[in-house]
Amino acid sequence: MSAAQAAKKPNAALMKPLQPSNDLAAVVGSSPLPRTEVVSKLWEYIKANDLQNPENKREILADDKLRAIFGGRDKVSMFEMNKHIARHLS
């Protein structure tokens, strides 16, 4: 197998459906989803509700639903978001 073929193979851990917590389910739905789908749905929610900081697009401004996921914080960077999401998946 060439390096290019190996690079295209999806990571099985990322594709495994995980159960969102009740807080996360309020945004992405309650059925089990792969981590990649959870992140996609979260971004759909963020964009639909205009929750990106207009001065710094890397910051997400939390509404009540996202504040529950982000540990009570009012804003997080897009890089911190995955750490918070991980706590809400099992």
Foldseek 3Di string as FASTA:
>chain_A
DDPVVVVPDDDPQQADFWAFAPLLCVQQNGGTGRNVSSLVSVVVSQVVVVQADPVHNQKGADDPSVCVQVVNDRIDGVVCSSVSRVVGTD
